[in-house]
Amino acid sequence: MRPTVCEAILTRDFTTEGSPALSAEDVANYLAVLVRLAALDGVDGVETDFVLRAANCLGVHSEMAEIAGQFVADPSISSESLVARIQDRGLRLCLLRDSYRLAAVDGTFSDEEMGELRHISTALGIDQATAAGVRSIAMQESRLHREFAGLVRTARA
């Protein structure tokens, strides 16, 4: 039986019961927004790795993510039009969370990234209070992942 890509992967719940399956279009649009955000201030290795890991978790081969990256790098395609393609409200929250995590993965938020995060949040229709909550969770989650990775590295040393 082939596994279904579903929202549980994005929520890190991993309990697929009651978790809606994501269409190929949902996955492509999700990754397109992340690729656009990563490309704003010049993509570095950690941002590329983040997007490729997200693609891998969603069942997309890295080659396809790179092709999507070339497509969304086209400045004539607005971020708002990419975001508007994502209709599910839960998936929109997951996208905002991953957008914050991606922007923070290199240790800094550039002015371009902050502006794009505001555009993404507004385009997703997420109010400021909820967006602030999502950002807080994303930053805590990033910190906890780094701490756990450190514990794993220490255990192996």
C-alpha atoms as a PDB file:
ATOM      1  CA  MET A   1       0.000   0.000   0.000  1.00  0.00           C
ATOM      2  CA  ARG A   2       1.429   3.357  -1.046  1.00  0.00           C
ATOM      3  CA  PRO A   3       1.522   5.935   1.771  1.00  0.00           C
ATOM      4  CA  THR A   4      -0.668   8.975   1.359  1.00  0.00           C
ATOM      5  CA  VAL A   5       0.834  12.393   1.850  1.00  0.00           C
ATOM      6  CA  CYS A   6      -1.375  14.145   4.353  1.00  0.00           C
ATOM      7  CA  GLU A   7      -1.528  17.100   6.676  1.00  0.00           C
ATOM      8  CA  ALA A   8      -0.291  14.950   9.589  1.00  0.00           C
ATOM      9  CA  ILE A   9       3.206  15.177   8.111  1.00  0.00           C
ATOM     10  CA  LEU A  10       3.068  18.959   8.244  1.00  0.00           C
ATOM     11  CA  THR A  11       1.588  19.195  11.732  1.00  0.00           C
ATOM     12  CA  ARG A  12       4.210  16.709  12.984  1.00  0.00           C
ATOM     13  CA  ASP A  13       1.330  14.797  14.540  1.00  0.00           C
ATOM     14  CA  PHE A  14       1.974  11.700  12.396  1.00  0.00           C
ATOM     15  CA  THR A  15      -1.458  10.354  13.287  1.00  0.00           C
ATOM     16  CA  THR A  16      -3.137  10.093   9.935  1.00  0.00           C
ATOM     17  CA  GLU A  17      -6.628   9.467  11.303  1.00  0.00           C
ATOM     18  CA  GLY A  18      -8.820  12.437  10.392  1.00  0.00           C
ATOM     19  CA  SER A  19      -5.948  14.138   8.602  1.00  0.00           C
ATOM     20  CA  PRO A  20      -6.892  15.196   5.078  1.00  0.00           C
ATOM     21  CA  ALA A  21      -4.826  13.921   2.185  1.00  0.00           C
ATOM     22  CA  LEU A  22      -2.954  16.585   0.249  1.00  0.00           C
ATOM     23  CA  SER A  23      -3.352  16.752  -3.490  1.00  0.00           C
ATOM     24  CA  ALA A  24      -0.344  17.071  -5.773  1.00  0.00           C
ATOM     25  CA  GLU A  25      -1.471  20.639  -6.409  1.00  0.00           C
ATOM     26  CA  ASP A  26      -1.550  21.419  -2.662  1.00  0.00           C
ATOM     27  CA  VAL A  27       1.965  20.044  -2.261  1.00  0.00           C
ATOM     28  CA  ALA A  28       3.287  21.945  -5.301  1.00  0.00           C
ATOM     29  CA  ASN A  29       1.756  25.238  -4.168  1.00  0.00           C
ATOM     30  CA  TYR A  30       3.039  24.773  -0.610  1.00  0.00           C
ATOM     31  CA  LEU A  31       6.575  24.202  -1.844  1.00  0.00           C
ATOM     32  CA  ALA A  32       6.327  27.057  -4.358  1.00  0.00           C
ATOM     33  CA  VAL A  33       5.674  29.556  -1.565  1.00  0.00           C
ATOM     34  CA  LEU A  34       8.626  28.217   0.436  1.00  0.00           C
ATOM     35  CA  VAL A  35      10.926  28.330  -2.594  1.00  0.00           C
ATOM     36  CA  ARG A  36       9.900  31.921  -3.319  1.00  0.00           C
ATOM     37  CA  LEU A  37      10.621  32.927   0.287  1.00  0.00           C
ATOM     38  CA  ALA A  38      14.003  31.186   0.238  1.00  0.00           C
ATOM     39  CA  ALA A  39      15.007  32.953  -2.978  1.00  0.00           C
ATOM     40  CA  LEU A  40      14.292  36.487  -1.733  1.00  0.00           C
ATOM     41  CA  ASP A  41      17.672  37.335  -0.280  1.00  0.00           C
ATOM     42  CA  GLY A  42      19.734  34.756  -2.120  1.00  0.00           C
ATOM     43  CA  VAL A  43      19.356  31.106  -1.323  1.00  0.00           C
ATOM     44  CA  ASP A  44      22.034  29.669   0.915  1.00  0.00           C
ATOM     45  CA  GLY A  45      22.739  26.036   1.701  1.00  0.00           C
ATOM     46  CA  VAL A  46      20.632  25.783   4.845  1.00  0.00           C
ATOM     47  CA  GLU A  47      17.589  27.281   3.127  1.00  0.00           C
ATOM     48  CA  THR A  48      17.997  24.932   0.178  1.00  0.00           C
ATOM     49  CA  ASP A  49      18.322  22.006   2.576  1.00  0.00           C
ATOM     50  CA  PHE A  50      15.155  23.096   4.432  1.00  0.00           C
ATOM     51  CA  VAL A  51      13.122  23.273   1.217  1.00  0.00           C
ATOM     52  CA  LEU A  52      14.489  19.938  -0.022  1.00  0.00           C
ATOM     53  CA  ARG A  53      13.683  18.284   3.335  1.00  0.00           C
ATOM     54  CA  ALA A  54      10.152  19.721   3.164  1.00  0.00           C
ATOM     55  CA  ALA A  55       9.821  18.397  -0.389  1.00  0.00           C
ATOM     56  CA  ASN A  56      11.122  14.998   0.676  1.00  0.00           C
ATOM     57  CA  CYS A  57       8.670  14.835   3.600  1.00  0.00           C
ATOM     58  CA  LEU A  58       5.874  15.611   1.170  1.00  0.00           C
ATOM     59  CA  GLY A  59       6.963  12.857  -1.212  1.00  0.00           C
ATOM     60  CA  VAL A  60       8.474  15.126  -3.864  1.00  0.00           C
ATOM     61  CA  HIS A  61      11.836  14.259  -5.397  1.00  0.00           C
ATOM     62  CA  SER A  62      14.492  16.958  -4.997  1.00  0.00           C
ATOM     63  CA  GLU A  63      14.741  17.345  -8.774  1.00  0.00           C
ATOM     64  CA  MET A  64      11.086  18.351  -8.909  1.00  0.00           C
ATOM     65  CA  ALA A  65      11.600  20.863  -6.092  1.00  0.00           C
ATOM     66  CA  GLU A  66      14.484  22.405  -8.023  1.00  0.00           C
ATOM     67  CA  ILE A  67      12.340  22.673 -11.159  1.00  0.00           C
ATOM     68  CA  ALA A  68       9.600  24.305  -9.078  1.00  0.00           C
ATOM     69  CA  GLY A  69      12.231  26.708  -7.775  1.00  0.00           C
ATOM     70  CA  GLN A  70      13.101  27.830 -11.280  1.00  0.00           C
ATOM     71  CA  PHE A  71       9.413  28.364 -12.029  1.00  0.00           C
ATOM     72  CA  VAL A  72       8.601  30.445  -8.946  1.00  0.00           C
ATOM     73  CA  ALA A  73      11.746  32.524  -9.282  1.00  0.00           C
ATOM     74  CA  ASP A  74       9.864  34.305 -12.089  1.00  0.00           C
ATOM     75  CA  PRO A  75       9.096  37.754 -10.603  1.00  0.00           C
ATOM     76  CA  SER A  76       5.989  38.129 -12.782  1.00  0.00           C
ATOM     77  CA  ILE A  77       4.267  35.500 -10.603  1.00  0.00           C
ATOM     78  CA  SER A  78       3.161  37.289  -7.437  1.00  0.00           C
ATOM     79  CA  SER A  79       3.506  35.695  -4.049  1.00  0.00           C
ATOM     80  CA  GLU A  80      -0.160  36.450  -3.481  1.00  0.00           C
ATOM     81  CA  SER A  81      -1.136  34.352  -6.505  1.00  0.00           C
ATOM     82  CA  LEU A  82       0.961  31.446  -5.225  1.00  0.00           C
ATOM     83  CA  VAL A  83      -0.590  31.697  -1.761  1.00  0.00           C
ATOM     84  CA  ALA A  84      -4.138  32.090  -3.090  1.00  0.00           C
ATOM     85  CA  ARG A  85      -3.958  28.592  -4.558  1.00  0.00           C
ATOM     86  CA  ILE A  86      -3.917  27.100  -1.048  1.00  0.00           C
ATOM     87  CA  GLN A  87      -7.510  26.915   0.132  1.00  0.00           C
ATOM     88  CA  ASP A  88      -7.459  24.682   3.239  1.00  0.00           C
ATOM     89  CA  ARG A  89      -7.243  26.791   6.417  1.00  0.00           C
ATOM     90  CA  GLY A  90      -5.228  24.199   8.334  1.00  0.00           C
ATOM     91  CA  LEU A  91      -2.732  23.885   5.497  1.00  0.00           C
ATOM     92  CA  ARG A  92      -2.459  27.681   5.454  1.00  0.00           C
ATOM     93  CA  LEU A  93      -1.377  27.657   9.116  1.00  0.00           C
ATOM     94  CA  CYS A  94       1.181  24.916   8.388  1.00  0.00           C
ATOM     95  CA  LEU A  95       2.536  26.985   5.502  1.00  0.00           C
ATOM     96  CA  LEU A  96       2.894  30.095   7.652  1.00  0.00           C
ATOM     97  CA  ARG A  97       4.680  28.067  10.357  1.00  0.00           C
ATOM     98  CA  ASP A  98       7.095  26.562   7.834  1.00  0.00           C
ATOM     99  CA  SER A  99       7.625  29.983   6.259  1.00  0.00           C
ATOM    100  CA  TYR A 100       8.746  31.363   9.622  1.00  0.00           C
ATOM    101  CA  ARG A 101      10.961  28.330  10.207  1.00  0.00           C
ATOM    102  CA  LEU A 102      12.525  28.703   6.767  1.00  0.00           C
ATOM    103  CA  ALA A 103      13.162  32.417   7.235  1.00  0.00           C
ATOM    104  CA  ALA A 104      14.862  31.718  10.583  1.00  0.00           C
ATOM    105  CA  VAL A 105      16.912  28.709   9.473  1.00  0.00           C
ATOM    106  CA  ASP A 106      19.946  30.848   8.596  1.00  0.00           C
ATOM    107  CA  GLY A 107      19.812  32.620  11.963  1.00  0.00           C
ATOM    108  CA  THR A 108      18.499  35.975  10.728  1.00  0.00           C
ATOM    109  CA  PHE A 109      15.366  37.557   9.315  1.00  0.00           C
ATOM    110  CA  SER A 110      16.221  39.879   6.426  1.00  0.00           C
ATOM    111  CA  ASP A 111      14.038  42.897   5.682  1.00  0.00           C
ATOM    112  CA  GLU A 112      12.950  41.158   2.474  1.00  0.00           C
ATOM    113  CA  GLU A 113      11.963  38.032   4.385  1.00  0.00           C
ATOM    114  CA  MET A 114      10.028  40.007   6.991  1.00  0.00           C
ATOM    115  CA  GLY A 115       8.134  41.821   4.248  1.00  0.00           C
ATOM    116  CA  GLU A 116       7.395  38.568   2.464  1.00  0.00           C
ATOM    117  CA  LEU A 117       6.235  36.922   5.691  1.00  0.00           C
ATOM    118  CA  ARG A 118       3.766  39.789   6.171  1.00  0.00           C
ATOM    119  CA  HIS A 119       2.566  39.342   2.554  1.00  0.00           C
ATOM    120  CA  ILE A 120       2.198  35.591   3.064  1.00  0.00           C
ATOM    121  CA  SER A 121       0.278  36.033   6.317  1.00  0.00           C
ATOM    122  CA  THR A 122      -2.057  38.628   4.794  1.00  0.00           C
ATOM    123  CA  ALA A 123      -2.565  36.620   1.597  1.00  0.00           C
ATOM    124  CA  LEU A 124      -3.380  33.543   3.676  1.00  0.00           C
ATOM    125  CA  GLY A 125      -6.044  35.544   5.492  1.00  0.00           C
ATOM    126  CA  ILE A 126      -4.477  34.915   8.904  1.00  0.00           C
ATOM    127  CA  ASP A 127      -5.116  37.647  11.465  1.00  0.00           C
ATOM    128  CA  GLN A 128      -2.181  39.297  13.249  1.00  0.00           C
ATOM    129  CA  ALA A 129      -2.798  37.635  16.611  1.00  0.00           C
ATOM    130  CA  THR A 130      -2.895  34.160  15.094  1.00  0.00           C
ATOM    131  CA  ALA A 131       0.153  34.933  12.933  1.00  0.00           C
ATOM    132  CA  ALA A 132       2.049  36.033  16.047  1.00  0.00           C
ATOM    133  CA  GLY A 133       1.077  32.778  17.759  1.00  0.00           C
ATOM    134  CA  VAL A 134       2.219  30.752  14.751  1.00  0.00           C
ATOM    135  CA  ARG A 135       5.528  32.632  14.706  1.00  0.00           C
ATOM    136  CA  SER A 136       6.073  31.936  18.405  1.00  0.00           C
ATOM    137  CA  ILE A 137       5.370  28.231  17.928  1.00  0.00           C
ATOM    138  CA  ALA A 138       7.637  28.078  14.859  1.00  0.00           C
ATOM    139  CA  MET A 139      10.527  29.685  16.738  1.00  0.00           C
ATOM    140  CA  GLN A 140      10.056  27.379  19.747  1.00  0.00           C
ATOM    141  CA  GLU A 141       9.857  24.366  17.468  1.00  0.00           C
ATOM    142  CA  SER A 142      13.064  25.400  15.668  1.00  0.00           C
ATOM    143  CA  ARG A 143      14.875  25.863  18.975  1.00  0.00           C
ATOM    144  CA  LEU A 144      13.713  22.470  20.264  1.00  0.00           C
ATOM    145  CA  HIS A 145      14.764  20.723  17.046  1.00  0.00           C
ATOM    146  CA  ARG A 146      18.253  22.288  17.303  1.00  0.00           C
ATOM    147  CA  GLU A 147      18.537  21.267  20.964  1.00  0.00           C
ATOM    148  CA  PHE A 148      17.482  17.702  20.244  1.00  0.00           C
ATOM    149  CA  ALA A 149      19.893  17.466  17.301  1.00  0.00           C
ATOM    150  CA  GLY A 150      22.628  18.602  19.687  1.00  0.00           C
ATOM    151  CA  LEU A 151      21.716  15.857  22.128  1.00  0.00           C
ATOM    152  CA  VAL A 152      21.855  13.280  19.357  1.00  0.00           C
ATOM    153  CA  ARG A 153      25.290  14.532  18.201  1.00  0.00           C
ATOM    154  CA  THR A 154      26.559  14.441  21.797  1.00  0.00           C
ATOM    155  CA  ALA A 155      25.257  10.902  22.286  1.00  0.00           C
ATOM    156  CA  ARG A 156      27.183   9.766  19.207  1.00  0.00           C
ATOM    157  CA  ALA A 157      30.450  11.458  20.194  1.00  0.00           C
END
